[in-house]
Protein backbone atom coordinates (compact mmCIF):
# COMPACT_ATOMS: atom_id res chain seq x y z
CA MET A 1 4.06 -21.29 -4.36
CA LEU A 2 2.42 -17.97 -3.71
CA SER A 3 2.34 -16.67 -0.10
CA VAL A 4 -0.41 -14.13 0.53
CA ILE A 5 0.06 -11.94 3.54
CA ILE A 6 -3.05 -10.13 4.89
CA LEU A 7 -3.20 -7.98 7.97
CA ASN A 8 -6.24 -7.97 10.22
CA TYR A 9 -7.25 -5.39 12.78
CA LYS A 10 -10.63 -5.93 14.43
CA ASN A 11 -12.50 -6.62 11.26
CA VAL A 12 -12.77 -10.46 10.83
CA ASN A 13 -15.61 -10.40 8.32
CA LEU A 14 -13.75 -8.17 5.89
CA THR A 15 -10.66 -10.30 6.22
CA SER A 16 -12.69 -13.37 5.72
CA LYS A 17 -14.21 -11.94 2.53
CA CYS A 18 -10.75 -11.12 1.32
CA VAL A 19 -9.44 -14.52 1.88
CA SER A 20 -12.44 -16.02 0.10
CA TYR A 21 -11.46 -14.09 -3.04
CA VAL A 22 -7.79 -15.13 -2.63
CA ILE A 23 -8.91 -18.79 -2.40
CA ASN A 24 -11.24 -18.57 -5.50
CA ALA A 25 -8.62 -16.64 -7.48
CA THR A 26 -5.73 -19.01 -6.87
CA LYS A 27 -7.99 -22.04 -7.37
CA ASP A 28 -9.10 -20.64 -10.71
CA ALA A 29 -5.27 -19.81 -11.62
CA ASN A 30 -4.19 -23.28 -10.39
CA ILE A 31 -1.66 -21.61 -8.03
CA LYS A 32 -0.50 -23.32 -5.00
CA THR A 33 -0.95 -20.86 -2.13
CA GLN A 34 -0.04 -20.24 1.46
CA VAL A 35 -2.37 -17.70 3.12
CA ILE A 36 -0.84 -15.97 6.16
CA ILE A 37 -2.99 -13.66 8.37
CA VAL A 38 -1.26 -11.29 10.80
CA ASP A 39 -3.75 -10.46 13.59
CA ASN A 40 -2.97 -6.99 15.07
CA SER A 41 -6.19 -7.11 17.22
CA ALA A 42 -4.49 -7.90 20.54
CA GLN A 43 -5.94 -11.44 20.38
CA GLU A 44 -9.56 -10.06 20.36
CA THR A 45 -10.32 -11.66 17.14
CA ALA A 46 -7.93 -14.71 16.78
CA ASP A 47 -10.38 -17.43 17.76
CA LYS A 48 -13.04 -16.09 15.23
CA LEU A 49 -10.37 -15.98 12.49
CA LYS A 50 -9.38 -19.61 13.18
CA THR A 51 -13.04 -20.65 12.84
CA LEU A 52 -13.84 -18.74 9.79
CA ILE A 53 -10.44 -19.36 7.96
CA PRO A 54 -9.23 -22.71 9.30
CA ASP A 55 -6.66 -23.28 6.60
CA ALA A 56 -4.92 -20.00 7.05
CA TYR A 57 -1.59 -19.66 9.05
CA ILE A 58 -2.48 -17.03 11.68
CA ILE A 59 0.14 -15.02 13.59
CA GLU A 60 -1.38 -13.66 16.71
CA ASN A 61 0.02 -10.30 18.11
CA ILE A 62 -0.80 -9.25 21.72
CA GLU A 63 -0.72 -5.61 20.55
CA ASN A 64 -1.15 -3.67 17.25
CA LYS A 65 2.40 -3.79 15.77
CA GLY A 66 1.60 -1.55 12.80
CA PHE A 67 1.74 -2.22 9.15
CA SER A 68 5.37 -2.66 8.55
CA LYS A 69 6.31 -4.97 11.49
CA ALA A 70 3.16 -7.10 10.94
CA ASN A 71 3.87 -7.57 7.34
CA ASN A 72 7.45 -8.41 8.12
CA GLN A 73 6.28 -11.18 10.37
CA GLY A 74 4.25 -12.55 7.49
CA ILE A 75 7.22 -12.21 5.08
CA LEU A 76 9.39 -14.10 7.57
CA ALA A 77 6.83 -16.95 7.76
CA SER A 78 6.28 -17.01 3.96
CA GLU A 79 7.35 -20.16 2.12
CA GLY A 80 6.49 -19.15 -1.40
CA GLU A 81 8.59 -18.13 -4.38
CA PHE A 82 6.31 -15.17 -4.68
CA VAL A 83 4.92 -12.94 -1.89
CA LEU A 84 1.84 -10.76 -2.09
CA LEU A 85 1.18 -8.17 0.41
CA LEU A 86 -2.54 -7.52 0.33
CA ASN A 87 -4.84 -5.29 2.29
CA ASN A 88 -7.95 -6.99 3.74
CA ASP A 89 -10.13 -4.52 1.87
CA ALA A 90 -8.75 -5.58 -1.55
CA PHE A 91 -10.54 -8.33 -3.52
CA ILE A 92 -8.34 -10.02 -6.13
CA ASN A 93 -9.08 -12.14 -9.09
CA SER A 94 -7.21 -14.89 -11.05
CA LYS A 95 -6.36 -12.66 -13.99
CA CYS A 96 -4.30 -10.25 -11.88
CA LEU A 97 -2.41 -12.97 -10.19
CA VAL A 98 -1.53 -14.77 -13.46
CA THR A 99 -0.68 -11.52 -15.21
CA GLY A 100 1.41 -10.37 -12.27
CA ILE A 101 3.45 -13.60 -11.79
CA ASP A 102 4.03 -13.95 -15.50
CA TYR A 103 5.27 -10.38 -15.82
CA ILE A 104 7.73 -10.79 -12.98
CA LYS A 105 8.92 -14.15 -14.40
CA ASN A 106 9.52 -12.52 -17.79
CA ASN A 107 11.00 -9.18 -16.53
CA ASN A 108 13.98 -9.93 -14.22
CA LYS A 109 14.20 -6.31 -13.34
CA CYS A 110 10.67 -6.08 -11.92
CA GLY A 111 10.90 -5.54 -8.04
CA VAL A 112 7.23 -4.89 -7.41
CA TRP A 113 4.14 -5.36 -9.51
CA ALA A 114 0.72 -3.91 -8.89
CA PRO A 115 -2.61 -3.84 -10.81
CA LYS A 116 -5.08 -0.97 -11.23
CA LEU A 117 -7.27 -0.30 -8.20
CA VAL A 118 -11.03 0.48 -8.55
CA GLY A 119 -13.77 1.00 -6.06
CA GLU A 120 -16.83 -1.24 -5.62
CA ASP A 121 -18.67 0.93 -8.09
CA GLY A 122 -15.84 0.70 -10.62
CA SER A 123 -14.61 4.12 -9.96
CA PHE A 124 -10.89 4.62 -10.79
CA GLN A 125 -8.37 5.09 -7.83
CA VAL A 126 -5.18 6.81 -7.94
CA SER A 127 -2.81 4.04 -6.59
CA CYS A 128 0.67 5.03 -7.84
CA ALA A 129 2.75 8.18 -7.86
CA GLU A 130 6.13 9.78 -8.36
CA LEU A 131 8.45 9.38 -5.28
CA PRO A 132 8.11 12.27 -2.79
CA SER A 133 10.10 15.54 -3.43
CA ILE A 134 10.12 19.00 -1.88
CA LYS A 135 8.69 20.36 -5.08
CA GLY A 136 5.84 17.80 -4.71
CA LEU A 137 5.15 18.86 -1.24
CA ILE A 138 4.99 22.53 -2.16
CA GLN A 139 2.55 21.73 -4.95
CA GLU A 140 0.51 19.58 -2.65
CA TYR A 141 0.60 21.56 0.66
CA ILE A 142 1.18 25.16 -0.34
CA LEU A 143 -0.45 25.33 -3.91
CA LEU A 144 -3.07 22.86 -3.03
CA LYS A 145 -2.43 20.79 -6.15
CA ASP A 146 -2.18 17.03 -6.59
CA ASN A 147 1.37 17.06 -7.92
CA ASN A 148 2.60 13.56 -7.30
CA SER A 149 0.06 11.40 -9.42
CA TYR A 150 0.59 11.08 -13.14
CA PRO A 151 -1.94 13.37 -14.98
CA ASP A 152 -2.95 10.77 -17.59
CA LEU A 153 -2.77 7.73 -15.22
CA ASN A 154 -6.39 6.67 -15.86
CA LYS A 155 -5.77 6.53 -19.58
CA TRP A 156 -2.69 4.09 -19.38
CA LYS A 157 -3.24 0.90 -21.20
CA GLU A 158 0.25 -0.74 -20.76
CA PRO A 159 2.51 -1.40 -17.66
CA HIS A 160 4.65 1.53 -16.49
CA ASN A 161 7.57 1.87 -14.22
CA VAL A 162 6.50 4.26 -11.53
CA GLY A 163 7.91 5.86 -8.47
CA ASN A 164 5.71 3.88 -5.99
CA VAL A 165 2.47 2.03 -5.76
CA ILE A 166 0.34 1.93 -2.69
CA GLY A 167 0.54 -1.11 -0.18
CA ALA A 168 -2.95 -2.43 -0.97
CA PHE A 169 -1.47 -4.87 -3.41
CA MET A 170 2.27 -5.47 -3.74
CA LEU A 171 3.44 -8.70 -5.51
CA MET A 172 7.15 -9.56 -5.27
CA GLU A 173 9.71 -12.38 -5.53
CA LYS A 174 10.79 -13.70 -2.14
CA LYS A 175 14.44 -13.58 -3.26
CA LYS A 176 14.19 -9.87 -4.17
CA ILE A 177 12.78 -9.14 -0.72
CA GLU A 178 15.61 -10.92 0.86
CA GLU A 179 18.02 -8.81 -1.33
CA VAL A 180 16.36 -5.47 -0.55
CA GLY A 181 15.35 -6.21 2.97
CA LEU A 182 12.22 -6.18 5.00
CA LEU A 183 9.94 -3.05 5.35
CA ASP A 184 11.24 -0.34 7.56
CA GLU A 185 9.51 -0.74 10.94
CA ASP A 186 10.14 2.81 11.84
CA TYR A 187 7.01 3.47 9.81
CA PHE A 188 4.08 2.30 11.95
CA PHE A 189 1.41 2.90 9.39
CA THR A 190 1.47 4.79 5.98
CA VAL A 191 4.50 5.82 3.84
CA GLU A 192 6.22 2.41 4.47
CA ASP A 193 5.16 1.47 1.00
CA VAL A 194 6.68 4.57 -0.55
CA ASP A 195 9.90 3.96 1.41
CA TYR A 196 10.00 0.37 0.21
CA CYS A 197 9.52 1.26 -3.39
CA LYS A 198 12.35 3.71 -3.25
CA ARG A 199 14.65 0.95 -1.85
CA ILE A 200 13.45 -1.17 -4.71
CA HIS A 201 14.53 1.42 -7.23
CA GLU A 202 17.87 1.94 -5.44
CA ALA A 203 18.57 -1.79 -5.75
CA GLY A 204 18.18 -1.59 -9.41
CA TYR A 205 14.71 -2.78 -9.89
CA SER A 206 11.48 -1.35 -11.29
CA VAL A 207 8.07 -0.73 -9.71
CA ILE A 208 5.43 -1.71 -12.24
CA TYR A 209 1.96 -0.34 -12.23
CA ASP A 210 -0.09 -2.56 -14.68
CA PRO A 211 -3.40 -1.16 -15.84
CA ARG A 212 -4.23 -4.28 -17.98
CA CYS A 213 -6.04 -5.81 -14.96
CA GLU A 214 -7.73 -4.45 -11.96
CA ILE A 215 -8.98 -5.40 -8.58
CA VAL A 216 -11.59 -3.95 -6.25
CA HIS A 217 -10.22 -1.79 -3.25
CA ILE A 218 -12.77 -0.48 -0.80
CA GLY A 219 -10.55 1.72 1.41
CA GLY A 220 -8.99 3.82 -1.36
CA ALA A 221 -12.38 5.47 -2.31
CA SER A 222 -13.10 6.71 1.25
CA GLN A 223 -9.35 7.76 2.13
CA GLU A 224 -8.33 9.83 -1.05
CA ASP A 225 -9.64 13.14 0.62
CA LYS A 226 -8.84 12.28 4.19
CA TRP A 227 -5.06 12.18 4.00
CA ILE A 228 -4.86 15.81 4.95
CA ASN A 229 -6.38 15.09 8.38
CA ASP A 230 -4.13 12.16 9.04
CA PRO A 231 -1.38 13.06 11.43
CA TYR A 232 0.56 9.76 10.65
CA MET A 233 0.88 10.80 7.06
CA HIS A 234 2.51 14.12 7.79
CA LYS A 235 4.75 12.61 10.53
CA PHE A 236 5.95 9.81 8.47
CA ARG A 237 6.44 11.95 5.35
CA VAL A 238 8.89 14.00 7.34
CA LEU A 239 10.56 10.72 8.51
CA TYR A 240 10.83 9.70 4.89
CA PHE A 241 12.78 12.74 3.98
CA ARG A 242 15.05 12.36 7.00
CA LYS A 243 15.80 8.75 6.10
CA ASN A 244 16.30 9.38 2.42
CA HIS A 245 17.42 12.93 2.05
CA GLY A 246 18.90 14.08 5.36
CA VAL A 247 18.21 16.40 8.19
CA PHE A 248 17.95 19.58 6.27
CA MET A 249 15.44 18.24 3.71
CA ALA A 250 13.49 16.66 6.43
CA SER A 251 13.40 20.11 8.36
CA LEU A 252 12.26 21.86 5.11
CA SER A 253 9.48 19.29 4.58
CA LYS A 254 8.24 19.86 8.10
CA ILE A 255 8.05 23.57 7.49
CA ILE A 256 6.25 23.15 4.22
CA ILE A 257 3.84 20.71 5.72
CA TYR A 258 3.22 22.96 8.80
CA MET A 259 2.54 26.00 6.42
CA GLY A 260 0.41 24.00 4.12
CA LEU A 261 -1.82 22.87 6.98
CA LYS A 262 -2.16 26.34 8.32
CA ILE A 263 -3.12 27.62 4.88
CA ARG A 264 -5.79 24.89 4.53
CA LYS A 265 -7.11 25.68 7.98
CA CYS A 266 -7.47 29.43 7.03
CA PHE A 267 -9.14 28.51 3.74
CA SER A 268 -11.47 26.25 5.64
CA LYS A 269 -12.53 28.92 8.11
CA TYR A 270 -12.80 31.57 5.29
CA SER A 271 -15.19 29.15 3.32
CA LYS A 272 -17.38 28.54 6.41
CA LEU A 273 -17.60 32.33 6.94
CA ARG A 274 -18.58 32.85 3.41
CA LYS A 275 -21.35 30.27 3.59
CA LYS A 276 -22.96 31.98 6.67
CA GLU A 277 -23.17 35.28 4.72
């Protein structure tokens, strides 16, 4: 059985669309499926979810518990041999499910499997990266370069073991989740997927990015250039370094991020002044 865990936050229609893709994909692939929806909308949308998706198991939260905690609720309620953490703005197909499950079954060291992500228009999305490093932060924040993504990623044709994949689609075996543990709930939203992939590697497993199949992901297209204005991203990157590399490295990462944001702010002001001339 496959347990699919989807978080909802005040967007019932999008969640309903996501579930319809799950139902069609699992039906085409002949996979017995348990759909679990964790509603973080403070019970504002629970009744509508029950009406639109009557066959789903719905966990109602009286407050927004964040990404990690809500997914953990779903994992604890899951009954499947395989668990899929799926964003409600990601629309899957039978090929990716069959390919992913077969890959995990045939590769005992696979801890997480994820397909290629594309936008609604078919545009390629960067959805995997090397694990964060101080060098990477300097490249990204100070030198204003995209250092962590693999340069030839959009040319890959075969599965690769990568540092981390994003949490829009993470397929895993339940027994490996039980071995590695649940998501770290100190991360309210963002970076929890990176932290979990690091723990997967530390447990001796691989994180597989598989470009042989793809799914549509709406959010990625609109978020790729907005991370710099996301305070959660900067806060939880520092937390990642503290948890995984100690206080000194966390302090260093905080300085780099602060300096980088200042540099970007100065560049932005300079660009605006030039445009007025």
